[in-house]
Amino acid sequence: MGNIDIISRIAADRQKAKEIAYRVQDKRAKGDSRTFAQVLQEELDKQKAIKNTGK
């Protein structure tokens, strides 16, 4: 359930969802050639790591 749980938690926090979407869009605008989904997955992995460390 890892990613689904993270997505649900983020979606419940509208501001956090906006911040993550902005970071993904900003990376793409700065020349990151990966797909939106790949960059989003990276951000989800970061959120998962934060959740696992309890911060």
PDB file of N, CA and C in Angstrom:
ATOM      1  N   MET A   1       0.802  -1.209   0.000  1.00  0.00           N
ATOM      2  CA  MET A   1       0.000   0.000   0.000  1.00  0.00           C
ATOM      3  C   MET A   1       0.840   1.266   0.000  1.00  0.00           C
ATOM      4  N   GLY A   2       2.118   1.191   0.073  1.00  0.00           N
ATOM      5  CA  GLY A   2       3.007   2.328   0.243  1.00  0.00           C
ATOM      6  C   GLY A   2       2.627   3.588  -0.505  1.00  0.00           C
ATOM      7  N   ASN A   3       2.652   3.560  -1.827  1.00  0.00           N
ATOM      8  CA  ASN A   3       2.381   4.768  -2.606  1.00  0.00           C
ATOM      9  C   ASN A   3       0.949   5.247  -2.457  1.00  0.00           C
ATOM     10  N   ILE A   4       0.014   4.342  -2.387  1.00  0.00           N
ATOM     11  CA  ILE A   4      -1.389   4.740  -2.245  1.00  0.00           C
ATOM     12  C   ILE A   4      -1.591   5.468  -0.928  1.00  0.00           C
ATOM     13  N   ASP A   5      -0.983   4.968   0.131  1.00  0.00           N
ATOM     14  CA  ASP A   5      -1.077   5.623   1.438  1.00  0.00           C
ATOM     15  C   ASP A   5      -0.466   7.009   1.391  1.00  0.00           C
ATOM     16  N   ILE A   6       0.703   7.135   0.774  1.00  0.00           N
ATOM     17  CA  ILE A   6       1.375   8.429   0.662  1.00  0.00           C
ATOM     18  C   ILE A   6       0.524   9.399  -0.154  1.00  0.00           C
ATOM     19  N   ILE A   7      -0.009   8.938  -1.281  1.00  0.00           N
ATOM     20  CA  ILE A   7      -0.849   9.794  -2.130  1.00  0.00           C
ATOM     21  C   ILE A   7      -2.101  10.235  -1.374  1.00  0.00           C
ATOM     22  N   SER A   8      -2.723   9.329  -0.641  1.00  0.00           N
ATOM     23  CA  SER A   8      -3.917   9.674   0.136  1.00  0.00           C
ATOM     24  C   SER A   8      -3.608  10.718   1.195  1.00  0.00           C
ATOM     25  N   ARG A   9      -2.476  10.539   1.865  1.00  0.00           N
ATOM     26  CA  ARG A   9      -2.092  11.480   2.915  1.00  0.00           C
ATOM     27  C   ARG A   9      -1.810  12.857   2.323  1.00  0.00           C
ATOM     28  N   ILE A  10      -1.142  12.891   1.190  1.00  0.00           N
ATOM     29  CA  ILE A  10      -0.834  14.159   0.530  1.00  0.00           C
ATOM     30  C   ILE A  10      -2.116  14.808   0.014  1.00  0.00           C
ATOM     31  N   ALA A  11      -2.977  14.021  -0.591  1.00  0.00           N
ATOM     32  CA  ALA A  11      -4.226  14.562  -1.143  1.00  0.00           C
ATOM     33  C   ALA A  11      -5.099  15.168  -0.045  1.00  0.00           C
ATOM     34  N   ALA A  12      -5.027  14.618   1.146  1.00  0.00           N
ATOM     35  CA  ALA A  12      -5.809  15.148   2.259  1.00  0.00           C
ATOM     36  C   ALA A  12      -5.290  16.518   2.682  1.00  0.00           C
ATOM     37  N   ASP A  13      -4.031  16.792   2.407  1.00  0.00           N
ATOM     38  CA  ASP A  13      -3.423  18.077   2.732  1.00  0.00           C
ATOM     39  C   ASP A  13      -3.250  18.858   1.424  1.00  0.00           C
ATOM     40  N   ARG A  14      -4.241  19.638   1.087  1.00  0.00           N
ATOM     41  CA  ARG A  14      -4.279  20.342  -0.197  1.00  0.00           C
ATOM     42  C   ARG A  14      -3.036  21.200  -0.433  1.00  0.00           C
ATOM     43  N   GLN A  15      -2.546  21.882   0.597  1.00  0.00           N
ATOM     44  CA  GLN A  15      -1.375  22.739   0.462  1.00  0.00           C
ATOM     45  C   GLN A  15      -0.135  21.911   0.116  1.00  0.00           C
ATOM     46  N   LYS A  16       0.029  20.771   0.777  1.00  0.00           N
ATOM     47  CA  LYS A  16       1.175  19.901   0.507  1.00  0.00           C
ATOM     48  C   LYS A  16       1.114  19.384  -0.932  1.00  0.00           C
ATOM     49  N   ALA A  17      -0.084  19.035  -1.392  1.00  0.00           N
ATOM     50  CA  ALA A  17      -0.251  18.564  -2.761  1.00  0.00           C
ATOM     51  C   ALA A  17       0.158  19.647  -3.758  1.00  0.00           C
ATOM     52  N   LYS A  18      -0.223  20.889  -3.474  1.00  0.00           N
ATOM     53  CA  LYS A  18       0.151  21.993  -4.352  1.00  0.00           C
ATOM     54  C   LYS A  18       1.659  22.188  -4.360  1.00  0.00           C
ATOM     55  N   GLU A  19       2.284  22.085  -3.192  1.00  0.00           N
ATOM     56  CA  GLU A  19       3.737  22.264  -3.097  1.00  0.00           C
ATOM     57  C   GLU A  19       4.469  21.185  -3.900  1.00  0.00           C
ATOM     58  N   ILE A  20       4.019  19.956  -3.795  1.00  0.00           N
ATOM     59  CA  ILE A  20       4.659  18.863  -4.521  1.00  0.00           C
ATOM     60  C   ILE A  20       4.479  19.048  -6.021  1.00  0.00           C
ATOM     61  N   ALA A  21       3.282  19.401  -6.450  1.00  0.00           N
ATOM     62  CA  ALA A  21       3.034  19.632  -7.877  1.00  0.00           C
ATOM     63  C   ALA A  21       3.909  20.775  -8.384  1.00  0.00           C
ATOM     64  N   TYR A  22       4.066  21.827  -7.580  1.00  0.00           N
ATOM     65  CA  TYR A  22       4.921  22.947  -7.972  1.00  0.00           C
ATOM     66  C   TYR A  22       6.367  22.495  -8.118  1.00  0.00           C
ATOM     67  N   ARG A  23       6.871  21.699  -7.154  1.00  0.00           N
ATOM     68  CA  ARG A  23       8.256  21.225  -7.233  1.00  0.00           C
ATOM     69  C   ARG A  23       8.486  20.383  -8.483  1.00  0.00           C
ATOM     70  N   VAL A  24       7.518  19.520  -8.801  1.00  0.00           N
ATOM     71  CA  VAL A  24       7.644  18.677  -9.992  1.00  0.00           C
ATOM     72  C   VAL A  24       7.659  19.550 -11.251  1.00  0.00           C
ATOM     73  N   GLN A  25       6.735  20.494 -11.336  1.00  0.00           N
ATOM     74  CA  GLN A  25       6.669  21.373 -12.499  1.00  0.00           C
ATOM     75  C   GLN A  25       7.926  22.231 -12.619  1.00  0.00           C
ATOM     76  N   ASP A  26       8.446  22.689 -11.481  1.00  0.00           N
ATOM     77  CA  ASP A  26       9.646  23.519 -11.475  1.00  0.00           C
ATOM     78  C   ASP A  26      10.853  22.726 -11.980  1.00  0.00           C
ATOM     79  N   LYS A  27      10.986  21.495 -11.546  1.00  0.00           N
ATOM     80  CA  LYS A  27      12.097  20.659 -12.020  1.00  0.00           C
ATOM     81  C   LYS A  27      12.011  20.475 -13.533  1.00  0.00           C
ATOM     82  N   ARG A  28      10.802  20.233 -14.019  1.00  0.00           N
ATOM     83  CA  ARG A  28      10.626  20.047 -15.463  1.00  0.00           C
ATOM     84  C   ARG A  28      10.959  21.334 -16.210  1.00  0.00           C
ATOM     85  N   ALA A  29      10.547  22.475 -15.666  1.00  0.00           N
ATOM     86  CA  ALA A  29      10.808  23.761 -16.316  1.00  0.00           C
ATOM     87  C   ALA A  29      12.298  24.086 -16.340  1.00  0.00           C
ATOM     88  N   LYS A  30      13.022  23.569 -15.359  1.00  0.00           N
ATOM     89  CA  LYS A  30      14.464  23.832 -15.288  1.00  0.00           C
ATOM     90  C   LYS A  30      15.263  22.848 -16.127  1.00  0.00           C
ATOM     91  N   GLY A  31      14.580  22.016 -16.904  1.00  0.00           N
ATOM     92  CA  GLY A  31      15.270  21.173 -17.860  1.00  0.00           C
ATOM     93  C   GLY A  31      15.357  19.698 -17.512  1.00  0.00           C
ATOM     94  N   ASP A  32      14.719  19.274 -16.443  1.00  0.00           N
ATOM     95  CA  ASP A  32      14.708  17.843 -16.119  1.00  0.00           C
ATOM     96  C   ASP A  32      13.934  17.133 -17.219  1.00  0.00           C
ATOM     97  N   SER A  33      14.590  16.227 -17.910  1.00  0.00           N
ATOM     98  CA  SER A  33      13.983  15.614 -19.093  1.00  0.00           C
ATOM     99  C   SER A  33      13.140  14.376 -18.775  1.00  0.00           C
ATOM    100  N   ARG A  34      13.069  14.014 -17.503  1.00  0.00           N
ATOM    101  CA  ARG A  34      12.235  12.862 -17.141  1.00  0.00           C
ATOM    102  C   ARG A  34      10.756  13.233 -17.290  1.00  0.00           C
ATOM    103  N   THR A  35       9.924  12.211 -17.372  1.00  0.00           N
ATOM    104  CA  THR A  35       8.488  12.462 -17.478  1.00  0.00           C
ATOM    105  C   THR A  35       7.960  13.010 -16.156  1.00  0.00           C
ATOM    106  N   PHE A  36       6.796  13.640 -16.223  1.00  0.00           N
ATOM    107  CA  PHE A  36       6.144  14.162 -15.022  1.00  0.00           C
ATOM    108  C   PHE A  36       5.977  13.033 -14.007  1.00  0.00           C
ATOM    109  N   ALA A  37       5.567  11.865 -14.480  1.00  0.00           N
ATOM    110  CA  ALA A  37       5.341  10.726 -13.588  1.00  0.00           C
ATOM    111  C   ALA A  37       6.628  10.295 -12.879  1.00  0.00           C
ATOM    112  N   GLN A  38       7.757  10.326 -13.576  1.00  0.00           N
ATOM    113  CA  GLN A  38       9.025   9.938 -12.964  1.00  0.00           C
ATOM    114  C   GLN A  38       9.445  10.931 -11.880  1.00  0.00           C
ATOM    115  N   VAL A  39       9.288  12.201 -12.162  1.00  0.00           N
ATOM    116  CA  VAL A  39       9.645  13.222 -11.179  1.00  0.00           C
ATOM    117  C   VAL A  39       8.684  13.147  -9.994  1.00  0.00           C
ATOM    118  N   LEU A  40       7.408  12.931 -10.269  1.00  0.00           N
ATOM    119  CA  LEU A  40       6.422  12.779  -9.203  1.00  0.00           C
ATOM    120  C   LEU A  40       6.760  11.577  -8.330  1.00  0.00           C
ATOM    121  N   GLN A  41       7.170  10.475  -8.945  1.00  0.00           N
ATOM    122  CA  GLN A  41       7.550   9.286  -8.179  1.00  0.00           C
ATOM    123  C   GLN A  41       8.720   9.600  -7.256  1.00  0.00           C
ATOM    124  N   GLU A  42       9.669  10.384  -7.725  1.00  0.00           N
ATOM    125  CA  GLU A  42      10.798  10.788  -6.883  1.00  0.00           C
ATOM    126  C   GLU A  42      10.305  11.561  -5.657  1.00  0.00           C
ATOM    127  N   GLU A  43       9.371  12.483  -5.881  1.00  0.00           N
ATOM    128  CA  GLU A  43       8.820  13.264  -4.773  1.00  0.00           C
ATOM    129  C   GLU A  43       8.047  12.374  -3.805  1.00  0.00           C
ATOM    130  N   LEU A  44       7.308  11.397  -4.332  1.00  0.00           N
ATOM    131  CA  LEU A  44       6.590  10.461  -3.465  1.00  0.00           C
ATOM    132  C   LEU A  44       7.563   9.631  -2.634  1.00  0.00           C
ATOM    133  N   ASP A  45       8.659   9.227  -3.248  1.00  0.00           N
ATOM    134  CA  ASP A  45       9.679   8.474  -2.522  1.00  0.00           C
ATOM    135  C   ASP A  45      10.268   9.308  -1.388  1.00  0.00           C
ATOM    136  N   LYS A  46      10.470  10.592  -1.637  1.00  0.00           N
ATOM    137  CA  LYS A  46      10.968  11.485  -0.587  1.00  0.00           C
ATOM    138  C   LYS A  46       9.965  11.570   0.562  1.00  0.00           C
ATOM    139  N   GLN A  47       8.681  11.687   0.221  1.00  0.00           N
ATOM    140  CA  GLN A  47       7.649  11.762   1.252  1.00  0.00           C
ATOM    141  C   GLN A  47       7.584  10.471   2.060  1.00  0.00           C
ATOM    142  N   LYS A  48       7.748   9.354   1.361  1.00  0.00           N
ATOM    143  CA  LYS A  48       7.736   8.049   2.025  1.00  0.00           C
ATOM    144  C   LYS A  48       8.919   7.952   2.993  1.00  0.00           C
ATOM    145  N   ALA A  49      10.079   8.440   2.579  1.00  0.00           N
ATOM    146  CA  ALA A  49      11.266   8.410   3.427  1.00  0.00           C
ATOM    147  C   ALA A  49      11.060   9.293   4.664  1.00  0.00           C
ATOM    148  N   ILE A  50      10.445  10.435   4.476  1.00  0.00           N
ATOM    149  CA  ILE A  50      10.160  11.328   5.618  1.00  0.00           C
ATOM    150  C   ILE A  50       9.216  10.626   6.588  1.00  0.00           C
ATOM    151  N   LYS A  51       8.192   9.970   6.047  1.00  0.00           N
ATOM    152  CA  LYS A  51       7.229   9.264   6.910  1.00  0.00           C
ATOM    153  C   LYS A  51       7.926   8.148   7.674  1.00  0.00           C
ATOM    154  N   ASN A  52       8.834   7.428   7.017  1.00  0.00           N
ATOM    155  CA  ASN A  52       9.511   6.297   7.655  1.00  0.00           C
ATOM    156  C   ASN A  52      10.493   6.729   8.736  1.00  0.00           C
ATOM    157  N   THR A  53      11.035   7.947   8.619  1.00  0.00           N
ATOM    158  CA  THR A  53      11.969   8.428   9.645  1.00  0.00           C
ATOM    159  C   THR A  53      11.243   9.177  10.753  1.00  0.00           C
ATOM    160  N   GLY A  54       9.945   9.394  10.558  1.00  0.00           N
ATOM    161  CA  GLY A  54       9.138  10.038  11.589  1.00  0.00           C
ATOM    162  C   GLY A  54       9.269  11.543  11.666  1.00  0.00           C
ATOM    163  N   LYS A  55       9.806  12.176  10.638  1.00  0.00           N
ATOM    164  CA  LYS A  55       9.956  13.638  10.656  1.00  0.00           C
ATOM    165  C   LYS A  55       8.753  14.304  10.099  1.00  0.00           C
TER     166      LYS A  55
END
